Amino acid sequence: MKKVSGKFHKTAKGHLSYDIEGLEAYEVFPIATALQDKFGFRTGKLPGLDPDALYIELIRDSVVILVGWDIWSGLFVMAMEESGDPVIQEIGQYLDEALDEIIAAEGIEKE
């Protein structure tokens, strides 16, 4: 199985995003759940869904992030405000180590 990993990028608004290519929209849910468990986030707005994108808003204190997938970026975890940038850095480091395990726990095979 190929190791899945992501890369840090800046969004158009200048906030940090951790993007993971090669994952599908349905993988948003186990990743969002893992971030809730590990970092104490709670679900904000109900998941947004359209043919080109899926996202879940997560909130912890004053930090708002999106865990999502779209046809342009693949799967991403991004800060909605500057206060979320350090949290995205921490999440990216965690996912670098835990992503394969999260995906494997869902029974998702990556080639």
N, C-alpha and C. Protein backbone atom coordinates (compact mmCIF):
# COMPACT_ATOMS: atom_id res chain seq x y z
N MET A 1 0.83 -1.17 0.00
CA MET A 1 0.00 0.00 0.00
C MET A 1 0.89 1.25 0.00
N LYS A 2 0.52 2.22 -0.82
CA LYS A 2 1.25 3.47 -0.92
C LYS A 2 0.93 4.36 0.28
N LYS A 3 1.97 5.00 0.86
CA LYS A 3 1.75 5.91 1.99
C LYS A 3 1.05 7.17 1.48
N VAL A 4 -0.01 7.53 2.18
CA VAL A 4 -0.77 8.73 1.83
C VAL A 4 -0.24 9.88 2.67
N SER A 5 0.00 11.02 2.05
CA SER A 5 0.46 12.18 2.80
C SER A 5 -0.04 13.44 2.12
N GLY A 6 0.06 14.55 2.82
CA GLY A 6 -0.42 15.82 2.29
C GLY A 6 0.67 16.86 2.22
N LYS A 7 0.26 18.04 1.77
CA LYS A 7 1.18 19.18 1.65
C LYS A 7 0.48 20.43 2.14
N PHE A 8 1.25 21.33 2.71
CA PHE A 8 0.72 22.61 3.17
C PHE A 8 0.69 23.60 2.01
N HIS A 9 -0.37 24.39 1.95
CA HIS A 9 -0.54 25.44 0.95
C HIS A 9 -1.23 26.62 1.62
N LYS A 10 -1.16 27.77 0.98
CA LYS A 10 -1.93 28.94 1.40
C LYS A 10 -3.17 29.03 0.50
N THR A 11 -4.32 29.33 1.12
CA THR A 11 -5.55 29.50 0.35
C THR A 11 -5.53 30.87 -0.33
N ALA A 12 -6.52 31.13 -1.16
CA ALA A 12 -6.62 32.43 -1.83
C ALA A 12 -6.75 33.56 -0.82
N LYS A 13 -7.31 33.27 0.36
CA LYS A 13 -7.44 34.29 1.41
C LYS A 13 -6.21 34.37 2.30
N GLY A 14 -5.19 33.55 2.00
CA GLY A 14 -3.94 33.61 2.74
C GLY A 14 -3.86 32.75 3.98
N HIS A 15 -4.84 31.86 4.17
CA HIS A 15 -4.83 30.99 5.33
C HIS A 15 -4.25 29.63 4.98
N LEU A 16 -3.80 28.92 5.99
CA LEU A 16 -3.11 27.65 5.78
C LEU A 16 -4.10 26.53 5.48
N SER A 17 -3.71 25.67 4.55
CA SER A 17 -4.49 24.49 4.18
C SER A 17 -3.53 23.31 4.07
N TYR A 18 -4.01 22.15 4.50
CA TYR A 18 -3.26 20.90 4.36
C TYR A 18 -4.04 20.08 3.35
N ASP A 19 -3.47 19.88 2.16
CA ASP A 19 -4.15 19.23 1.04
C ASP A 19 -3.59 17.83 0.82
N ILE A 20 -4.51 16.88 0.61
CA ILE A 20 -4.14 15.48 0.43
C ILE A 20 -4.72 15.00 -0.90
N GLU A 21 -3.87 14.82 -1.88
CA GLU A 21 -4.32 14.33 -3.18
C GLU A 21 -4.55 12.82 -3.12
N GLY A 22 -5.43 12.33 -3.97
CA GLY A 22 -5.62 10.90 -4.11
C GLY A 22 -6.65 10.30 -3.18
N LEU A 23 -7.30 11.12 -2.36
CA LEU A 23 -8.37 10.62 -1.51
C LEU A 23 -9.71 11.03 -2.09
N GLU A 24 -10.76 10.34 -1.68
CA GLU A 24 -12.10 10.57 -2.22
C GLU A 24 -12.96 11.32 -1.20
N ALA A 25 -14.09 11.83 -1.66
CA ALA A 25 -14.99 12.63 -0.82
C ALA A 25 -15.44 11.87 0.42
N TYR A 26 -15.72 10.59 0.31
CA TYR A 26 -16.22 9.83 1.47
C TYR A 26 -15.18 9.72 2.59
N GLU A 27 -13.93 10.01 2.31
CA GLU A 27 -12.88 9.94 3.32
C GLU A 27 -12.84 11.19 4.20
N VAL A 28 -13.64 12.20 3.86
CA VAL A 28 -13.77 13.38 4.71
C VAL A 28 -14.28 12.98 6.09
N PHE A 29 -15.24 12.07 6.13
CA PHE A 29 -15.90 11.74 7.40
C PHE A 29 -14.97 11.08 8.42
N PRO A 30 -14.21 10.05 8.05
CA PRO A 30 -13.31 9.48 9.07
C PRO A 30 -12.20 10.44 9.49
N ILE A 31 -11.76 11.30 8.59
CA ILE A 31 -10.73 12.27 8.96
C ILE A 31 -11.31 13.32 9.90
N ALA A 32 -12.50 13.81 9.60
CA ALA A 32 -13.15 14.79 10.49
C ALA A 32 -13.37 14.18 11.88
N THR A 33 -13.81 12.93 11.93
CA THR A 33 -14.03 12.26 13.21
C THR A 33 -12.71 12.13 13.98
N ALA A 34 -11.64 11.76 13.29
CA ALA A 34 -10.33 11.64 13.95
C ALA A 34 -9.88 12.98 14.51
N LEU A 35 -10.13 14.08 13.78
CA LEU A 35 -9.74 15.40 14.26
C LEU A 35 -10.59 15.83 15.45
N GLN A 36 -11.86 15.46 15.45
CA GLN A 36 -12.70 15.75 16.61
C GLN A 36 -12.18 15.01 17.84
N ASP A 37 -11.86 13.74 17.66
CA ASP A 37 -11.36 12.92 18.77
C ASP A 37 -10.00 13.41 19.29
N LYS A 38 -9.10 13.72 18.39
CA LYS A 38 -7.73 14.09 18.77
C LYS A 38 -7.61 15.53 19.28
N PHE A 39 -8.32 16.46 18.64
CA PHE A 39 -8.12 17.88 18.91
C PHE A 39 -9.29 18.57 19.61
N GLY A 40 -10.35 17.84 19.90
CA GLY A 40 -11.46 18.42 20.64
C GLY A 40 -12.37 19.34 19.85
N PHE A 41 -12.41 19.19 18.55
CA PHE A 41 -13.33 19.98 17.74
C PHE A 41 -14.75 19.44 17.88
N ARG A 42 -15.73 20.31 17.61
CA ARG A 42 -17.12 19.88 17.50
C ARG A 42 -17.61 20.30 16.12
N THR A 43 -18.65 19.65 15.67
CA THR A 43 -19.21 19.97 14.35
C THR A 43 -19.90 21.32 14.42
N GLY A 44 -19.63 22.15 13.42
CA GLY A 44 -20.30 23.45 13.30
C GLY A 44 -21.51 23.29 12.40
N LYS A 45 -21.47 23.92 11.25
CA LYS A 45 -22.58 23.82 10.29
C LYS A 45 -22.69 22.39 9.78
N LEU A 46 -23.88 22.02 9.38
CA LEU A 46 -24.09 20.71 8.80
C LEU A 46 -23.24 20.55 7.55
N PRO A 47 -22.85 19.33 7.21
CA PRO A 47 -22.02 19.14 6.02
C PRO A 47 -22.65 19.75 4.78
N GLY A 48 -21.80 20.41 3.99
CA GLY A 48 -22.23 20.96 2.72
C GLY A 48 -21.87 19.96 1.62
N LEU A 49 -22.75 19.78 0.68
CA LEU A 49 -22.53 18.79 -0.37
C LEU A 49 -23.09 19.29 -1.68
N ASP A 50 -22.28 19.19 -2.72
CA ASP A 50 -22.76 19.38 -4.09
C ASP A 50 -21.93 18.45 -4.97
N PRO A 51 -22.22 18.35 -6.25
CA PRO A 51 -21.49 17.38 -7.08
C PRO A 51 -19.98 17.57 -7.14
N ASP A 52 -19.52 18.79 -6.88
CA ASP A 52 -18.10 19.08 -7.00
C ASP A 52 -17.38 19.21 -5.66
N ALA A 53 -18.12 19.21 -4.53
CA ALA A 53 -17.48 19.48 -3.25
C ALA A 53 -18.30 18.93 -2.08
N LEU A 54 -17.58 18.65 -1.00
CA LEU A 54 -18.16 18.23 0.27
C LEU A 54 -17.31 18.86 1.36
N TYR A 55 -17.94 19.41 2.39
CA TYR A 55 -17.13 19.97 3.47
C TYR A 55 -17.89 19.87 4.79
N ILE A 56 -17.13 19.82 5.88
CA ILE A 56 -17.66 19.81 7.23
C ILE A 56 -16.93 20.90 8.01
N GLU A 57 -17.69 21.75 8.65
CA GLU A 57 -17.11 22.79 9.49
C GLU A 57 -16.89 22.23 10.89
N LEU A 58 -15.68 22.43 11.41
CA LEU A 58 -15.34 22.02 12.77
C LEU A 58 -14.92 23.25 13.56
N ILE A 59 -15.33 23.29 14.84
CA ILE A 59 -15.07 24.45 15.69
C ILE A 59 -14.46 24.00 17.01
N ARG A 60 -13.45 24.74 17.45
CA ARG A 60 -12.88 24.57 18.80
C ARG A 60 -12.55 25.95 19.32
N ASP A 61 -13.20 26.35 20.40
CA ASP A 61 -13.06 27.70 20.94
C ASP A 61 -13.35 28.70 19.82
N SER A 62 -12.39 29.56 19.47
CA SER A 62 -12.62 30.54 18.41
C SER A 62 -12.04 30.10 17.06
N VAL A 63 -11.55 28.87 16.99
CA VAL A 63 -10.92 28.38 15.75
C VAL A 63 -11.96 27.61 14.92
N VAL A 64 -12.10 28.04 13.67
CA VAL A 64 -13.00 27.38 12.73
C VAL A 64 -12.16 26.83 11.58
N ILE A 65 -12.33 25.53 11.30
CA ILE A 65 -11.64 24.91 10.17
C ILE A 65 -12.67 24.18 9.31
N LEU A 66 -12.30 23.91 8.08
CA LEU A 66 -13.10 23.08 7.20
C LEU A 66 -12.32 21.82 6.87
N VAL A 67 -12.98 20.69 6.94
CA VAL A 67 -12.45 19.44 6.41
C VAL A 67 -13.32 19.18 5.19
N GLY A 68 -12.69 19.07 4.04
CA GLY A 68 -13.50 18.94 2.84
C GLY A 68 -12.80 18.24 1.70
N TRP A 69 -13.52 18.15 0.62
CA TRP A 69 -13.02 17.56 -0.61
C TRP A 69 -13.66 18.32 -1.75
N ASP A 70 -12.87 18.61 -2.77
CA ASP A 70 -13.45 19.15 -4.01
C ASP A 70 -12.66 18.61 -5.19
N ILE A 71 -13.22 18.81 -6.37
CA ILE A 71 -12.61 18.24 -7.58
C ILE A 71 -11.30 18.92 -7.94
N TRP A 72 -11.02 20.07 -7.37
CA TRP A 72 -9.79 20.80 -7.71
C TRP A 72 -8.64 20.46 -6.76
N SER A 73 -8.93 20.33 -5.47
CA SER A 73 -7.87 20.16 -4.46
C SER A 73 -7.74 18.75 -3.93
N GLY A 74 -8.75 17.94 -4.09
CA GLY A 74 -8.80 16.67 -3.38
C GLY A 74 -9.26 16.92 -1.96
N LEU A 75 -8.76 16.14 -1.02
CA LEU A 75 -9.17 16.31 0.38
C LEU A 75 -8.32 17.40 1.02
N PHE A 76 -8.93 18.22 1.86
CA PHE A 76 -8.19 19.32 2.50
C PHE A 76 -8.71 19.57 3.90
N VAL A 77 -7.83 20.14 4.71
CA VAL A 77 -8.19 20.67 6.03
C VAL A 77 -7.66 22.09 6.02
N MET A 78 -8.56 23.09 6.13
CA MET A 78 -8.09 24.46 6.00
C MET A 78 -8.64 25.37 7.07
N ALA A 79 -7.84 26.37 7.40
CA ALA A 79 -8.22 27.39 8.37
C ALA A 79 -9.15 28.39 7.69
N MET A 80 -10.14 28.84 8.45
CA MET A 80 -11.06 29.85 7.93
C MET A 80 -10.62 31.26 8.32
N GLU A 81 -9.74 31.34 9.33
CA GLU A 81 -9.21 32.62 9.80
C GLU A 81 -7.76 32.44 10.19
N GLU A 82 -7.06 33.54 10.35
CA GLU A 82 -5.64 33.48 10.71
C GLU A 82 -5.39 32.71 12.01
N SER A 83 -6.32 32.78 12.94
CA SER A 83 -6.16 32.09 14.22
C SER A 83 -6.10 30.58 14.05
N GLY A 84 -6.58 30.07 12.93
CA GLY A 84 -6.55 28.64 12.67
C GLY A 84 -5.27 28.14 12.04
N ASP A 85 -4.44 29.04 11.54
CA ASP A 85 -3.22 28.61 10.85
C ASP A 85 -2.30 27.73 11.70
N PRO A 86 -2.02 28.10 12.96
CA PRO A 86 -1.17 27.22 13.78
C PRO A 86 -1.81 25.85 14.04
N VAL A 87 -3.13 25.84 14.13
CA VAL A 87 -3.85 24.58 14.35
C VAL A 87 -3.73 23.69 13.12
N ILE A 88 -3.82 24.27 11.94
CA ILE A 88 -3.67 23.49 10.70
C ILE A 88 -2.26 22.91 10.63
N GLN A 89 -1.28 23.67 11.06
CA GLN A 89 0.10 23.17 11.09
C GLN A 89 0.18 21.93 11.99
N GLU A 90 -0.44 22.01 13.15
CA GLU A 90 -0.44 20.89 14.10
C GLU A 90 -1.22 19.70 13.53
N ILE A 91 -2.36 19.98 12.91
CA ILE A 91 -3.17 18.91 12.31
C ILE A 91 -2.41 18.23 11.19
N GLY A 92 -1.74 19.00 10.34
CA GLY A 92 -0.97 18.42 9.25
C GLY A 92 0.12 17.49 9.75
N GLN A 93 0.81 17.91 10.80
CA GLN A 93 1.84 17.06 11.38
C GLN A 93 1.25 15.77 11.93
N TYR A 94 0.09 15.88 12.58
CA TYR A 94 -0.60 14.69 13.09
C TYR A 94 -1.01 13.77 11.94
N LEU A 95 -1.62 14.35 10.89
CA LEU A 95 -2.09 13.53 9.78
C LEU A 95 -0.93 12.88 9.02
N ASP A 96 0.22 13.55 8.95
CA ASP A 96 1.39 12.93 8.32
C ASP A 96 1.70 11.58 8.96
N GLU A 97 1.49 11.50 10.27
CA GLU A 97 1.76 10.26 11.00
C GLU A 97 0.57 9.31 11.04
N ALA A 98 -0.65 9.85 11.14
CA ALA A 98 -1.83 9.03 11.44
C ALA A 98 -2.72 8.72 10.23
N LEU A 99 -2.50 9.37 9.10
CA LEU A 99 -3.43 9.26 7.97
C LEU A 99 -3.61 7.83 7.49
N ASP A 100 -2.53 7.11 7.33
CA ASP A 100 -2.64 5.72 6.86
C ASP A 100 -3.46 4.88 7.82
N GLU A 101 -3.26 5.10 9.11
CA GLU A 101 -4.00 4.35 10.14
C GLU A 101 -5.49 4.71 10.12
N ILE A 102 -5.80 5.99 9.96
CA ILE A 102 -7.21 6.43 9.90
C ILE A 102 -7.90 5.78 8.71
N ILE A 103 -7.24 5.80 7.57
CA ILE A 103 -7.81 5.22 6.35
C ILE A 103 -7.96 3.70 6.49
N ALA A 104 -6.95 3.04 7.04
CA ALA A 104 -6.99 1.59 7.21
C ALA A 104 -8.12 1.18 8.16
N ALA A 105 -8.38 1.99 9.17
CA ALA A 105 -9.44 1.67 10.13
C ALA A 105 -10.80 1.69 9.46
N GLU A 106 -10.92 2.40 8.36
CA GLU A 106 -12.17 2.45 7.63
C GLU A 106 -12.26 1.36 6.57
N GLY A 107 -11.21 0.57 6.45
CA GLY A 107 -11.21 -0.50 5.45
C GLY A 107 -11.02 0.00 4.04
N ILE A 108 -10.41 1.17 3.89
CA ILE A 108 -10.19 1.78 2.58
C ILE A 108 -8.80 1.38 2.08
N GLU A 109 -8.73 0.72 0.96
CA GLU A 109 -7.45 0.30 0.38
C GLU A 109 -6.94 1.33 -0.61
N LYS A 110 -5.72 1.75 -0.45
CA LYS A 110 -5.06 2.64 -1.41
C LYS A 110 -3.97 1.87 -2.10
N GLU A 111 -3.89 2.01 -3.41
CA GLU A 111 -2.86 1.30 -4.17
C GLU A 111 -1.56 2.05 -4.17
